[in-house]
Amino acid sequence: MDSQEGFGSLIPENIKKKLHNGGVQFSELRQAGKTPENLIETIYRFWRGGSIRVERNWNGILDEAEIVQYSNSACLLPDDRIYLNTSTFRNLWKLATWNVNSIRTRLPLILEWLEEHNPDVVCLQETKVEDQLFPVLELRQSGYECAFYGQKSYNGVAILSKHPIEDVKTGFRNGYDPDNARLIAGTVSGVRVVNVYVPQGQTTESDKFKYKLNFFAELIQEIQAENNSDRSFAIMGDFNIAPKAEDVTNPEAMLNKVSFHPEEHALLAKLTDLGLSDLFRKFDTRPGQFSWWDFRTMGFERDEGMRIDYILGNSVLTSSCQACIIDKGAREQDRPSDHAPVIGEFIF
């Protein structure tokens, strides 16, 4: 599925439900797509692979619709009805990560986003709220249970899930960095999920950069203990490191600066060498695909940013991944976070 998106990331949830049930006319499906050209390409690919069924009655001429088989010369007509083969898609599972930059400020946007995308699990960073003030009630009313680890005004991480969250752990196993709420882990539907908010580092000459490097070294040790090759495992979040040149606007200008420093890259490589894959890059190799844009410089409007948020999966999880996208639409909303969500889709 090189550089392709799955249905769940391309169409609204209500249209996807129709695809599972009574089908959707091709004209309606095309109009509902956020990116019609990508959606049409995906429909043809799924049709070719047998994942969708196409029925045609020639605009009401036939009493009973005929099933149209895919061929290289086949085309879809506006009145054709599209169905998902439910046996193929019944176990579609969506996992997302999002630095929300204050959950209370962003709560209306988050609730709307949850309703639209209907993810199974969402890892949030920079919730910036003490545990007793976390908006549990509002999220439960939206169908999500919560595990969270927060503090006043800074940091904070949380896992939201439509399914039970088991074996929750907050902070590092060895007690490192107890004053900062930056790490939480839990198991959902058999998938072990680690949610991290890596320190930004300020400048390379500062103590905060040393803290970032130490934090990441401790994170590597933590993941060595957490990752089990026999089960699906993911570590995700705001890593505050752009992995490669294609993940920043100007790699020459960024070289040796915070978030694009050789010491950071070396630590990130040690982490991925534990058998973890960058799921977004499994599907999209284009440069300039960012997840963070600076408010102060109007980075989003100027298309100047960095890809510092990602989902890393072990081989078990990666093999089941069908799509991974950056949802820039969330960044376009009123009062957005400076980060966009990253969404992965899996079939188990």
C-alpha atoms as a PDB file:
ATOM      1  CA  MET A   1       0.000   0.000   0.000  1.00  0.00           C
ATOM      2  CA  ASP A   2       2.842   2.410  -0.760  1.00  0.00           C
ATOM      3  CA  SER A   3       1.760   6.004  -0.085  1.00  0.00           C
ATOM      4  CA  GLN A   4      -1.886   4.937   0.047  1.00  0.00           C
ATOM      5  CA  GLU A   5      -4.526   5.678   2.664  1.00  0.00           C
ATOM      6  CA  GLY A   6      -7.187   3.309   3.965  1.00  0.00           C
ATOM      7  CA  PHE A   7     -10.906   3.949   3.764  1.00  0.00           C
ATOM      8  CA  GLY A   8     -11.148   4.777   7.471  1.00  0.00           C
ATOM      9  CA  SER A   9      -8.797   7.729   7.119  1.00  0.00           C
ATOM     10  CA  LEU A  10     -10.346   9.067   3.919  1.00  0.00           C
ATOM     11  CA  ILE A  11     -14.082   9.154   4.608  1.00  0.00           C
ATOM     12  CA  PRO A  12     -16.377  10.198   7.480  1.00  0.00           C
ATOM     13  CA  GLU A  13     -17.400   7.549   9.980  1.00  0.00           C
ATOM     14  CA  ASN A  14     -21.111   7.683   9.014  1.00  0.00           C
ATOM     15  CA  ILE A  15     -20.264   6.892   5.378  1.00  0.00           C
ATOM     16  CA  LYS A  16     -18.027   4.020   6.453  1.00  0.00           C
ATOM     17  CA  LYS A  17     -20.940   2.518   8.408  1.00  0.00           C
ATOM     18  CA  LYS A  18     -23.093   2.683   5.266  1.00  0.00           C
ATOM     19  CA  LEU A  19     -20.383   0.826   3.350  1.00  0.00           C
ATOM     20  CA  HIS A  20     -20.590  -1.995   5.861  1.00  0.00           C
ATOM     21  CA  ASN A  21     -24.394  -2.113   5.838  1.00  0.00           C
ATOM     22  CA  GLY A  22     -26.519  -0.977   2.880  1.00  0.00           C
ATOM     23  CA  GLY A  23     -23.748   0.210   0.597  1.00  0.00           C
ATOM     24  CA  VAL A  24     -23.093   3.708  -0.791  1.00  0.00           C
ATOM     25  CA  GLN A  25     -23.506   5.099  -4.296  1.00  0.00           C
ATOM     26  CA  PHE A  26     -20.182   5.852  -5.935  1.00  0.00           C
ATOM     27  CA  SER A  27     -21.218   9.500  -6.455  1.00  0.00           C
ATOM     28  CA  GLU A  28     -21.972   9.938  -2.718  1.00  0.00           C
ATOM     29  CA  LEU A  29     -18.779   8.192  -1.698  1.00  0.00           C
ATOM     30  CA  ARG A  30     -16.700  10.367  -4.007  1.00  0.00           C
ATOM     31  CA  GLN A  31     -18.257  13.567  -2.663  1.00  0.00           C
ATOM     32  CA  ALA A  32     -17.726  12.498   0.961  1.00  0.00           C
ATOM     33  CA  GLY A  33     -14.006  11.908   0.573  1.00  0.00           C
ATOM     34  CA  LYS A  34     -11.606  14.400   2.130  1.00  0.00           C
ATOM     35  CA  THR A  35      -9.162  13.812  -0.698  1.00  0.00           C
ATOM     36  CA  PRO A  36     -11.271  12.525  -3.648  1.00  0.00           C
ATOM     37  CA  GLU A  37      -8.364  11.627  -5.904  1.00  0.00           C
ATOM     38  CA  ASN A  38      -6.779   9.418  -3.231  1.00  0.00           C
ATOM     39  CA  LEU A  39     -10.139   7.909  -2.343  1.00  0.00           C
ATOM     40  CA  ILE A  40     -10.955   6.934  -5.941  1.00  0.00           C
ATOM     41  CA  GLU A  41      -7.531   5.355  -6.354  1.00  0.00           C
ATOM     42  CA  THR A  42      -8.077   3.390  -3.130  1.00  0.00           C
ATOM     43  CA  ILE A  43     -11.540   2.217  -4.240  1.00  0.00           C
ATOM     44  CA  TYR A  44     -10.127   0.786  -7.468  1.00  0.00           C
ATOM     45  CA  ARG A  45      -7.290  -0.890  -5.589  1.00  0.00           C
ATOM     46  CA  PHE A  46      -9.692  -2.472  -3.087  1.00  0.00           C
ATOM     47  CA  TRP A  47     -12.032  -3.506  -5.924  1.00  0.00           C
ATOM     48  CA  ARG A  48      -9.130  -5.175  -7.709  1.00  0.00           C
ATOM     49  CA  GLY A  49      -8.153  -6.979  -4.500  1.00  0.00           C
ATOM     50  CA  GLY A  50     -11.682  -8.217  -3.787  1.00  0.00           C
ATOM     51  CA  SER A  51     -12.186  -6.127  -0.642  1.00  0.00           C
ATOM     52  CA  ILE A  52     -15.203  -4.287  -2.048  1.00  0.00           C
ATOM     53  CA  ARG A  53     -18.226  -5.356  -4.086  1.00  0.00           C
ATOM     54  CA  VAL A  54     -19.719  -3.225  -6.868  1.00  0.00           C
ATOM     55  CA  GLU A  55     -23.379  -3.609  -7.834  1.00  0.00           C
ATOM     56  CA  ARG A  56     -24.904  -1.940 -10.922  1.00  0.00           C
ATOM     57  CA  ASN A  57     -28.533  -1.657 -12.065  1.00  0.00           C
ATOM     58  CA  TRP A  58     -27.950   0.804 -14.914  1.00  0.00           C
ATOM     59  CA  ASN A  59     -29.808   3.662 -13.240  1.00  0.00           C
ATOM     60  CA  GLY A  60     -32.839   1.538 -12.377  1.00  0.00           C
ATOM     61  CA  ILE A  61     -33.180  -0.319 -15.693  1.00  0.00           C
ATOM     62  CA  LEU A  62     -32.427  -3.711 -14.117  1.00  0.00           C
ATOM     63  CA  ASP A  63     -34.804  -5.151 -11.499  1.00  0.00           C
ATOM     64  CA  GLU A  64     -31.921  -6.904  -9.835  1.00  0.00           C
ATOM     65  CA  ALA A  65     -28.504  -5.306  -9.703  1.00  0.00           C
ATOM     66  CA  GLU A  66     -25.624  -7.170 -11.324  1.00  0.00           C
ATOM     67  CA  ILE A  67     -22.271  -7.603  -9.634  1.00  0.00           C
ATOM     68  CA  VAL A  68     -19.545  -5.942 -11.683  1.00  0.00           C
ATOM     69  CA  GLN A  69     -16.236  -7.792 -11.711  1.00  0.00           C
ATOM     70  CA  TYR A  70     -13.012  -5.822 -11.759  1.00  0.00           C
ATOM     71  CA  SER A  71     -10.958  -5.714 -14.947  1.00  0.00           C
ATOM     72  CA  ASN A  72      -8.227  -3.412 -16.217  1.00  0.00           C
ATOM     73  CA  SER A  73     -10.779  -1.656 -18.438  1.00  0.00           C
ATOM     74  CA  ALA A  74     -13.531  -1.496 -15.770  1.00  0.00           C
ATOM     75  CA  CYS A  75     -14.852   1.865 -14.627  1.00  0.00           C
ATOM     76  CA  LEU A  76     -17.258   2.995 -11.937  1.00  0.00           C
ATOM     77  CA  LEU A  77     -20.507   4.802 -12.778  1.00  0.00           C
ATOM     78  CA  PRO A  78     -22.155   7.409 -10.512  1.00  0.00           C
ATOM     79  CA  ASP A  79     -25.083   5.111  -9.634  1.00  0.00           C
ATOM     80  CA  ASP A  80     -22.934   2.068  -8.886  1.00  0.00           C
ATOM     81  CA  ARG A  81     -23.351   0.890  -5.305  1.00  0.00           C
ATOM     82  CA  ILE A  82     -20.195   0.144  -3.314  1.00  0.00           C
ATOM     83  CA  TYR A  83     -20.091  -2.367  -0.440  1.00  0.00           C
ATOM     84  CA  LEU A  84     -17.247  -3.355   1.853  1.00  0.00           C
ATOM     85  CA  ASN A  85     -16.788  -7.075   2.255  1.00  0.00           C
ATOM     86  CA  THR A  86     -17.303  -7.184   6.019  1.00  0.00           C
ATOM     87  CA  SER A  87     -15.359 -10.405   6.427  1.00  0.00           C
ATOM     88  CA  THR A  88     -12.265  -8.502   5.337  1.00  0.00           C
ATOM     89  CA  PHE A  89     -12.794  -5.396   7.472  1.00  0.00           C
ATOM     90  CA  ARG A  90     -14.545  -6.593  10.622  1.00  0.00           C
ATOM     91  CA  ASN A  91     -11.364  -6.336  12.719  1.00  0.00           C
ATOM     92  CA  LEU A  92     -10.203  -2.896  11.576  1.00  0.00           C
ATOM     93  CA  TRP A  93      -8.466  -1.244  14.542  1.00  0.00           C
ATOM     94  CA  LYS A  94      -7.345   2.388  14.698  1.00  0.00           C
ATOM     95  CA  LEU A  95      -4.533   3.725  16.868  1.00  0.00           C
ATOM     96  CA  ALA A  96      -3.589   7.401  17.085  1.00  0.00           C
ATOM     97  CA  THR A  97      -1.193   9.778  18.807  1.00  0.00           C
ATOM     98  CA  TRP A  98      -1.721  13.502  19.337  1.00  0.00           C
ATOM     99  CA  ASN A  99       0.072  16.235  21.273  1.00  0.00           C
ATOM    100  CA  VAL A 100      -2.979  18.317  22.188  1.00  0.00           C
ATOM    101  CA  ASN A 101      -1.142  21.159  23.988  1.00  0.00           C
ATOM    102  CA  SER A 102      -3.681  21.369  26.871  1.00  0.00           C
ATOM    103  CA  ILE A 103      -6.570  18.926  26.944  1.00  0.00           C
ATOM    104  CA  ARG A 104      -8.936  21.377  28.627  1.00  0.00           C
ATOM    105  CA  THR A 105      -8.296  24.098  26.060  1.00  0.00           C
ATOM    106  CA  ARG A 106      -8.626  21.633  23.200  1.00  0.00           C
ATOM    107  CA  LEU A 107     -11.465  19.507  24.627  1.00  0.00           C
ATOM    108  CA  PRO A 108     -14.242  20.582  22.174  1.00  0.00           C
ATOM    109  CA  LEU A 109     -11.914  19.895  19.229  1.00  0.00           C
ATOM    110  CA  ILE A 110     -10.848  16.536  20.712  1.00  0.00           C
ATOM    111  CA  LEU A 111     -14.448  15.392  21.267  1.00  0.00           C
ATOM    112  CA  GLU A 112     -15.409  16.369  17.718  1.00  0.00           C
ATOM    113  CA  TRP A 113     -12.333  14.614  16.340  1.00  0.00           C
ATOM    114  CA  LEU A 114     -13.105  11.429  18.300  1.00  0.00           C
ATOM    115  CA  GLU A 115     -16.630  11.353  16.911  1.00  0.00           C
ATOM    116  CA  GLU A 116     -15.415  11.873  13.350  1.00  0.00           C
ATOM    117  CA  HIS A 117     -12.548   9.360  13.331  1.00  0.00           C
ATOM    118  CA  ASN A 118     -13.763   6.834  15.933  1.00  0.00           C
ATOM    119  CA  PRO A 119     -10.293   5.520  16.862  1.00  0.00           C
ATOM    120  CA  ASP A 120      -9.969   2.536  19.159  1.00  0.00           C
ATOM    121  CA  VAL A 121      -7.031   4.003  21.089  1.00  0.00           C
ATOM    122  CA  VAL A 122      -5.598   7.517  21.284  1.00  0.00           C
ATOM    123  CA  CYS A 123      -2.409   8.512  23.080  1.00  0.00           C
ATOM    124  CA  LEU A 124      -2.334  12.179  24.118  1.00  0.00           C
ATOM    125  CA  GLN A 125       0.645  14.279  25.153  1.00  0.00           C
ATOM    126  CA  GLU A 126       0.944  17.673  26.863  1.00  0.00           C
ATOM    127  CA  THR A 127      -2.400  17.326  28.588  1.00  0.00           C
ATOM    128  CA  LYS A 128      -1.208  19.973  31.101  1.00  0.00           C
ATOM    129  CA  VAL A 129      -3.694  19.044  33.814  1.00  0.00           C
ATOM    130  CA  GLU A 130      -3.549  17.504  37.261  1.00  0.00           C
ATOM    131  CA  ASP A 131      -5.143  14.069  37.523  1.00  0.00           C
ATOM    132  CA  GLN A 132      -8.082  15.239  39.647  1.00  0.00           C
ATOM    133  CA  LEU A 133      -9.037  17.758  36.934  1.00  0.00           C
ATOM    134  CA  PHE A 134      -8.733  15.408  33.942  1.00  0.00           C
ATOM    135  CA  PRO A 135     -12.021  15.519  31.912  1.00  0.00           C
ATOM    136  CA  VAL A 136     -12.983  11.905  32.576  1.00  0.00           C
ATOM    137  CA  LEU A 137     -16.753  12.461  32.432  1.00  0.00           C
ATOM    138  CA  GLU A 138     -16.782  14.169  29.037  1.00  0.00           C
ATOM    139  CA  LEU A 139     -14.570  11.485  27.509  1.00  0.00           C
ATOM    140  CA  ARG A 140     -16.608   8.644  29.012  1.00  0.00           C
ATOM    141  CA  GLN A 141     -19.738  10.191  27.550  1.00  0.00           C
ATOM    142  CA  SER A 142     -17.977   9.981  24.167  1.00  0.00           C
ATOM    143  CA  GLY A 143     -17.330   6.270  24.706  1.00  0.00           C
ATOM    144  CA  TYR A 144     -13.733   6.379  25.945  1.00  0.00           C
ATOM    145  CA  GLU A 145     -12.203   5.202  29.166  1.00  0.00           C
ATOM    146  CA  CYS A 146      -9.028   6.934  30.271  1.00  0.00           C
ATOM    147  CA  ALA A 147      -5.690   6.237  31.886  1.00  0.00           C
ATOM    148  CA  PHE A 148      -3.708   9.381  32.654  1.00  0.00           C
ATOM    149  CA  TYR A 149      -0.620  10.730  34.366  1.00  0.00           C
ATOM    150  CA  GLY A 150      -0.553  14.483  34.712  1.00  0.00           C
ATOM    151  CA  GLN A 151       0.695  17.548  36.491  1.00  0.00           C
ATOM    152  CA  LYS A 152      -0.277  21.198  36.696  1.00  0.00           C
ATOM    153  CA  SER A 153       0.459  23.382  33.633  1.00  0.00           C
ATOM    154  CA  TYR A 154       3.170  21.152  32.135  1.00  0.00           C
ATOM    155  CA  ASN A 155       3.688  17.774  30.470  1.00  0.00           C
ATOM    156  CA  GLY A 156       1.013  15.136  31.042  1.00  0.00           C
ATOM    157  CA  VAL A 157       0.201  11.967  29.062  1.00  0.00           C
ATOM    158  CA  ALA A 158      -2.984   9.938  28.675  1.00  0.00           C
ATOM    159  CA  ILE A 159      -4.408   6.883  26.923  1.00  0.00           C
ATOM    160  CA  LEU A 160      -8.021   6.991  25.722  1.00  0.00           C
ATOM    161  CA  SER A 161      -9.637   3.733  24.651  1.00  0.00           C
ATOM    162  CA  LYS A 162     -12.981   2.304  23.528  1.00  0.00           C
ATOM    163  CA  HIS A 163     -11.868  -0.977  25.116  1.00  0.00           C
ATOM    164  CA  PRO A 164     -10.587  -1.862  28.619  1.00  0.00           C
ATOM    165  CA  ILE A 165      -7.103  -0.567  29.425  1.00  0.00           C
ATOM    166  CA  GLU A 166      -5.111  -3.135  31.385  1.00  0.00           C
ATOM    167  CA  ASP A 167      -1.758  -3.250  33.169  1.00  0.00           C
ATOM    168  CA  VAL A 168      -1.324   0.539  33.300  1.00  0.00           C
ATOM    169  CA  LYS A 169       2.109   1.809  34.308  1.00  0.00           C
ATOM    170  CA  THR A 170       3.054   5.453  34.804  1.00  0.00           C
ATOM    171  CA  GLY A 171       6.602   6.747  34.698  1.00  0.00           C
ATOM    172  CA  PHE A 172       9.776   4.711  34.397  1.00  0.00           C
ATOM    173  CA  ARG A 173      10.149   1.304  35.991  1.00  0.00           C
ATOM    174  CA  ASN A 174      13.398   2.337  37.683  1.00  0.00           C
ATOM    175  CA  GLY A 175      11.931   5.534  39.138  1.00  0.00           C
ATOM    176  CA  TYR A 176      13.774   7.906  36.809  1.00  0.00           C
ATOM    177  CA  ASP A 177      12.376  11.460  36.461  1.00  0.00           C
ATOM    178  CA  PRO A 178       9.538  11.194  39.007  1.00  0.00           C
ATOM    179  CA  ASP A 179       8.768  14.928  38.873  1.00  0.00           C
ATOM    180  CA  ASN A 180       7.720  14.945  35.216  1.00  0.00           C
ATOM    181  CA  ALA A 181       4.635  13.179  33.845  1.00  0.00           C
ATOM    182  CA  ARG A 182       5.990  12.097  30.473  1.00  0.00           C
ATOM    183  CA  LEU A 183       5.449   8.338  30.189  1.00  0.00           C
ATOM    184  CA  ILE A 184       2.465   6.006  30.468  1.00  0.00           C
ATOM    185  CA  ALA A 185       1.854   2.468  29.210  1.00  0.00           C
ATOM    186  CA  GLY A 186      -1.152   0.168  28.980  1.00  0.00           C
ATOM    187  CA  THR A 187      -2.451  -2.908  27.167  1.00  0.00           C
ATOM    188  CA  VAL A 188      -5.566  -2.685  24.980  1.00  0.00           C
ATOM    189  CA  SER A 189      -7.000  -5.644  23.044  1.00  0.00           C
ATOM    190  CA  GLY A 190      -3.688  -7.460  23.452  1.00  0.00           C
ATOM    191  CA  VAL A 191      -1.616  -4.552  22.086  1.00  0.00           C
ATOM    192  CA  ARG A 192       0.971  -3.094  24.462  1.00  0.00           C
ATOM    193  CA  VAL A 193       1.017   0.681  24.014  1.00  0.00           C
ATOM    194  CA  VAL A 194       3.665   3.050  25.379  1.00  0.00           C
ATOM    195  CA  ASN A 195       2.911   6.770  25.198  1.00  0.00           C
ATOM    196  CA  VAL A 196       5.830   9.189  25.574  1.00  0.00           C
ATOM    197  CA  TYR A 197       6.369  12.936  25.593  1.00  0.00           C
ATOM    198  CA  VAL A 198      10.103  13.463  25.055  1.00  0.00           C
ATOM    199  CA  PRO A 199      11.587  16.760  26.369  1.00  0.00           C
ATOM    200  CA  GLN A 200      12.084  19.453  23.739  1.00  0.00           C
ATOM    201  CA  GLY A 201      15.650  20.356  24.799  1.00  0.00           C
ATOM    202  CA  GLN A 202      15.589  24.151  24.289  1.00  0.00           C
ATOM    203  CA  THR A 203      19.157  24.692  22.978  1.00  0.00           C
ATOM    204  CA  THR A 204      22.101  22.325  22.592  1.00  0.00           C
ATOM    205  CA  GLU A 205      24.110  24.373  25.113  1.00  0.00           C
ATOM    206  CA  SER A 206      21.464  24.118  27.821  1.00  0.00           C
ATOM    207  CA  ASP A 207      20.953  21.695  30.693  1.00  0.00           C
ATOM    208  CA  LYS A 208      17.578  20.917  29.140  1.00  0.00           C
ATOM    209  CA  PHE A 209      19.323  19.342  26.159  1.00  0.00           C
ATOM    210  CA  LYS A 210      21.366  17.132  28.500  1.00  0.00           C
ATOM    211  CA  TYR A 211      18.113  16.197  30.191  1.00  0.00           C
ATOM    212  CA  LYS A 212      16.614  15.274  26.812  1.00  0.00           C
ATOM    213  CA  LEU A 213      19.530  12.987  25.967  1.00  0.00           C
ATOM    214  CA  ASN A 214      19.433  11.346  29.401  1.00  0.00           C
ATOM    215  CA  PHE A 215      15.675  10.916  29.152  1.00  0.00           C
ATOM    216  CA  PHE A 216      15.971   9.208  25.775  1.00  0.00           C
ATOM    217  CA  ALA A 217      18.718   6.886  27.009  1.00  0.00           C
ATOM    218  CA  GLU A 218      16.424   5.855  29.886  1.00  0.00           C
ATOM    219  CA  LEU A 219      13.562   5.430  27.408  1.00  0.00           C
ATOM    220  CA  ILE A 220      15.616   2.935  25.395  1.00  0.00           C
ATOM    221  CA  GLN A 221      16.155   0.852  28.539  1.00  0.00           C
ATOM    222  CA  GLU A 222      12.441   1.063  29.311  1.00  0.00           C
ATOM    223  CA  ILE A 223      11.452  -0.161  25.851  1.00  0.00           C
ATOM    224  CA  GLN A 224      13.916  -3.038  26.023  1.00  0.00           C
ATOM    225  CA  ALA A 225      11.990  -4.217  29.077  1.00  0.00           C
ATOM    226  CA  GLU A 226       8.528  -3.526  27.608  1.00  0.00           C
ATOM    227  CA  ASN A 227       8.818  -4.887  24.062  1.00  0.00           C
ATOM    228  CA  ASN A 228       7.855  -8.519  23.711  1.00  0.00           C
ATOM    229  CA  SER A 229       8.418  -9.956  20.244  1.00  0.00           C
ATOM    230  CA  ASP A 230       5.501 -12.369  20.674  1.00  0.00           C
ATOM    231  CA  ARG A 231       2.795  -9.677  20.960  1.00  0.00           C
ATOM    232  CA  SER A 232       1.882  -6.445  19.199  1.00  0.00           C
ATOM    233  CA  PHE A 233       3.755  -3.497  20.644  1.00  0.00           C
ATOM    234  CA  ALA A 234       3.856   0.225  19.873  1.00  0.00           C
ATOM    235  CA  ILE A 235       5.643   3.221  21.292  1.00  0.00           C
ATOM    236  CA  MET A 236       4.229   6.502  20.100  1.00  0.00           C
ATOM    237  CA  GLY A 237       3.995  10.149  20.952  1.00  0.00           C
ATOM    238  CA  ASP A 238       5.821  13.432  20.599  1.00  0.00           C
ATOM    239  CA  PHE A 239       9.495  12.483  20.267  1.00  0.00           C
ATOM    240  CA  ASN A 240      10.653  16.056  19.609  1.00  0.00           C
ATOM    241  CA  ILE A 241      13.144  14.650  17.083  1.00  0.00           C
ATOM    242  CA  ALA A 242      12.786  14.898  13.313  1.00  0.00           C
ATOM    243  CA  PRO A 243      14.265  11.597  12.071  1.00  0.00           C
ATOM    244  CA  LYS A 244      15.638  12.528   8.639  1.00  0.00           C
ATOM    245  CA  ALA A 245      16.230  15.392   6.214  1.00  0.00           C
ATOM    246  CA  GLU A 246      12.852  14.889   4.565  1.00  0.00           C
ATOM    247  CA  ASP A 247      11.176  15.474   7.948  1.00  0.00           C
ATOM    248  CA  VAL A 248      12.211  19.133   8.255  1.00  0.00           C
ATOM    249  CA  THR A 249      11.740  22.175   6.031  1.00  0.00           C
ATOM    250  CA  ASN A 250      15.417  23.110   5.772  1.00  0.00           C
ATOM    251  CA  PRO A 251      17.799  20.327   6.870  1.00  0.00           C
ATOM    252  CA  GLU A 252      20.926  22.422   6.243  1.00  0.00           C
ATOM    253  CA  ALA A 253      19.693  25.182   8.535  1.00  0.00           C
ATOM    254  CA  MET A 254      18.508  22.677  11.163  1.00  0.00           C
ATOM    255  CA  LEU A 255      21.690  20.589  11.329  1.00  0.00           C
ATOM    256  CA  ASN A 256      23.208  20.454  14.847  1.00  0.00           C
ATOM    257  CA  LYS A 257      20.201  22.230  16.318  1.00  0.00           C
ATOM    258  CA  VAL A 258      17.729  20.842  18.823  1.00  0.00           C
ATOM    259  CA  SER A 259      15.349  18.264  17.295  1.00  0.00           C
ATOM    260  CA  PHE A 260      17.768  17.586  14.435  1.00  0.00           C
ATOM    261  CA  HIS A 261      21.047  16.954  16.216  1.00  0.00           C
ATOM    262  CA  PRO A 262      23.373  13.987  15.552  1.00  0.00           C
ATOM    263  CA  GLU A 263      23.263  12.906  19.201  1.00  0.00           C
ATOM    264  CA  GLU A 264      19.463  12.792  19.057  1.00  0.00           C
ATOM    265  CA  HIS A 265      19.544  10.858  15.795  1.00  0.00           C
ATOM    266  CA  ALA A 266      21.969   8.334  17.278  1.00  0.00           C
ATOM    267  CA  LEU A 267      19.643   7.698  20.228  1.00  0.00           C
ATOM    268  CA  LEU A 268      16.605   7.415  17.964  1.00  0.00           C
ATOM    269  CA  ALA A 269      18.491   4.864  15.854  1.00  0.00           C
ATOM    270  CA  LYS A 270      19.254   2.832  19.001  1.00  0.00           C
ATOM    271  CA  LEU A 271      15.555   2.818  19.790  1.00  0.00           C
ATOM    272  CA  THR A 272      14.435   1.690  16.326  1.00  0.00           C
ATOM    273  CA  ASP A 273      17.224  -0.899  16.282  1.00  0.00           C
ATOM    274  CA  LEU A 274      15.248  -2.705  18.973  1.00  0.00           C
ATOM    275  CA  GLY A 275      13.069  -3.940  16.101  1.00  0.00           C
ATOM    276  CA  LEU A 276      10.710  -0.981  15.700  1.00  0.00           C
ATOM    277  CA  SER A 277       9.440   0.503  12.438  1.00  0.00           C
ATOM    278  CA  ASP A 278       8.228   4.035  11.687  1.00  0.00           C
ATOM    279  CA  LEU A 279       4.715   3.179  10.465  1.00  0.00           C
ATOM    280  CA  PHE A 280       4.074   6.450   8.640  1.00  0.00           C
ATOM    281  CA  ARG A 281       7.151   5.936   6.466  1.00  0.00           C
ATOM    282  CA  LYS A 282       5.945   2.435   5.592  1.00  0.00           C
ATOM    283  CA  PHE A 283       3.279   4.120   3.447  1.00  0.00           C
ATOM    284  CA  ASP A 284       4.421   7.653   2.664  1.00  0.00           C
ATOM    285  CA  THR A 285       7.993   8.492   1.671  1.00  0.00           C
ATOM    286  CA  ARG A 286       7.332  12.033   0.446  1.00  0.00           C
ATOM    287  CA  PRO A 287       9.371  14.880   1.954  1.00  0.00           C
ATOM    288  CA  GLY A 288       7.611  17.747   3.668  1.00  0.00           C
ATOM    289  CA  GLN A 289       5.057  15.658   5.586  1.00  0.00           C
ATOM    290  CA  PHE A 290       5.050  17.440   8.941  1.00  0.00           C
ATOM    291  CA  SER A 291       3.200  16.902  12.226  1.00  0.00           C
ATOM    292  CA  TRP A 292       4.213  20.129  14.011  1.00  0.00           C
ATOM    293  CA  TRP A 293       4.226  23.757  12.891  1.00  0.00           C
ATOM    294  CA  ASP A 294       5.337  26.734  14.989  1.00  0.00           C
ATOM    295  CA  PHE A 295       2.530  29.140  15.897  1.00  0.00           C
ATOM    296  CA  ARG A 296       4.993  32.005  16.317  1.00  0.00           C
ATOM    297  CA  THR A 297       6.229  31.924  12.721  1.00  0.00           C
ATOM    298  CA  MET A 298       2.881  30.944  11.151  1.00  0.00           C
ATOM    299  CA  GLY A 299       4.571  27.697  10.186  1.00  0.00           C
ATOM    300  CA  PHE A 300       1.377  25.942   9.133  1.00  0.00           C
ATOM    301  CA  GLU A 301       0.366  28.741   6.802  1.00  0.00           C
ATOM    302  CA  ARG A 302       3.891  28.794   5.333  1.00  0.00           C
ATOM    303  CA  ASP A 303       4.147  24.969   5.222  1.00  0.00           C
ATOM    304  CA  GLU A 304       7.252  25.069   7.389  1.00  0.00           C
ATOM    305  CA  GLY A 305       7.372  22.425  10.095  1.00  0.00           C
ATOM    306  CA  MET A 306       8.839  19.165  11.334  1.00  0.00           C
ATOM    307  CA  ARG A 307       7.674  15.552  11.639  1.00  0.00           C
ATOM    308  CA  ILE A 308       8.307  14.865  15.313  1.00  0.00           C
ATOM    309  CA  ASP A 309       5.217  12.769  16.200  1.00  0.00           C
ATOM    310  CA  TYR A 310       5.111   9.136  15.146  1.00  0.00           C
ATOM    311  CA  ILE A 311       4.051   5.573  15.847  1.00  0.00           C
ATOM    312  CA  LEU A 312       6.793   2.948  16.093  1.00  0.00           C
ATOM    313  CA  GLY A 313       5.658  -0.676  15.945  1.00  0.00           C
ATOM    314  CA  ASN A 314       7.378  -4.001  16.401  1.00  0.00           C
ATOM    315  CA  SER A 315       7.255  -6.589  13.622  1.00  0.00           C
ATOM    316  CA  VAL A 316       4.029  -8.161  14.917  1.00  0.00           C
ATOM    317  CA  LEU A 317       2.153  -4.851  14.846  1.00  0.00           C
ATOM    318  CA  THR A 318       3.806  -3.583  11.670  1.00  0.00           C
ATOM    319  CA  SER A 319       2.741  -6.661   9.718  1.00  0.00           C
ATOM    320  CA  SER A 320      -0.917  -5.878  10.461  1.00  0.00           C
ATOM    321  CA  CYS A 321      -0.712  -2.161   9.628  1.00  0.00           C
ATOM    322  CA  GLN A 322      -2.806  -1.181   6.593  1.00  0.00           C
ATOM    323  CA  ALA A 323      -2.355   2.609   6.607  1.00  0.00           C
ATOM    324  CA  CYS A 324      -0.767   5.453   8.559  1.00  0.00           C
ATOM    325  CA  ILE A 325      -1.454   9.142   7.969  1.00  0.00           C
ATOM    326  CA  ILE A 326      -0.934  12.583   9.492  1.00  0.00           C
ATOM    327  CA  ASP A 327      -4.335  14.226   9.933  1.00  0.00           C
ATOM    328  CA  LYS A 328      -3.599  17.812   8.941  1.00  0.00           C
ATOM    329  CA  GLY A 329      -7.329  18.561   9.007  1.00  0.00           C
ATOM    330  CA  ALA A 330      -7.201  18.770  12.807  1.00  0.00           C
ATOM    331  CA  ARG A 331      -4.532  21.476  12.535  1.00  0.00           C
ATOM    332  CA  GLU A 332      -6.824  23.540  10.296  1.00  0.00           C
ATOM    333  CA  GLN A 333      -9.567  23.863  12.928  1.00  0.00           C
ATOM    334  CA  ASP A 334     -10.260  26.811  15.232  1.00  0.00           C
ATOM    335  CA  ARG A 335      -7.974  26.966  18.279  1.00  0.00           C
ATOM    336  CA  PRO A 336      -5.923  23.918  17.233  1.00  0.00           C
ATOM    337  CA  SER A 337      -2.895  22.363  18.838  1.00  0.00           C
ATOM    338  CA  ASP A 338       0.382  23.106  17.104  1.00  0.00           C
ATOM    339  CA  HIS A 339       0.602  19.354  16.415  1.00  0.00           C
ATOM    340  CA  ALA A 340      -1.510  17.159  14.126  1.00  0.00           C
ATOM    341  CA  PRO A 341      -2.638  13.630  15.041  1.00  0.00           C
ATOM    342  CA  VAL A 342      -0.965  10.587  13.501  1.00  0.00           C
ATOM    343  CA  ILE A 343      -3.391   7.711  12.810  1.00  0.00           C
ATOM    344  CA  GLY A 344      -2.544   4.087  12.106  1.00  0.00           C
ATOM    345  CA  GLU A 345      -5.010   1.459  10.859  1.00  0.00           C
ATOM    346  CA  PHE A 346      -4.573  -2.253  11.517  1.00  0.00           C
ATOM    347  CA  ILE A 347      -6.341  -5.501  10.689  1.00  0.00           C
ATOM    348  CA  PHE A 348      -6.007  -8.248  13.270  1.00  0.00           C
END
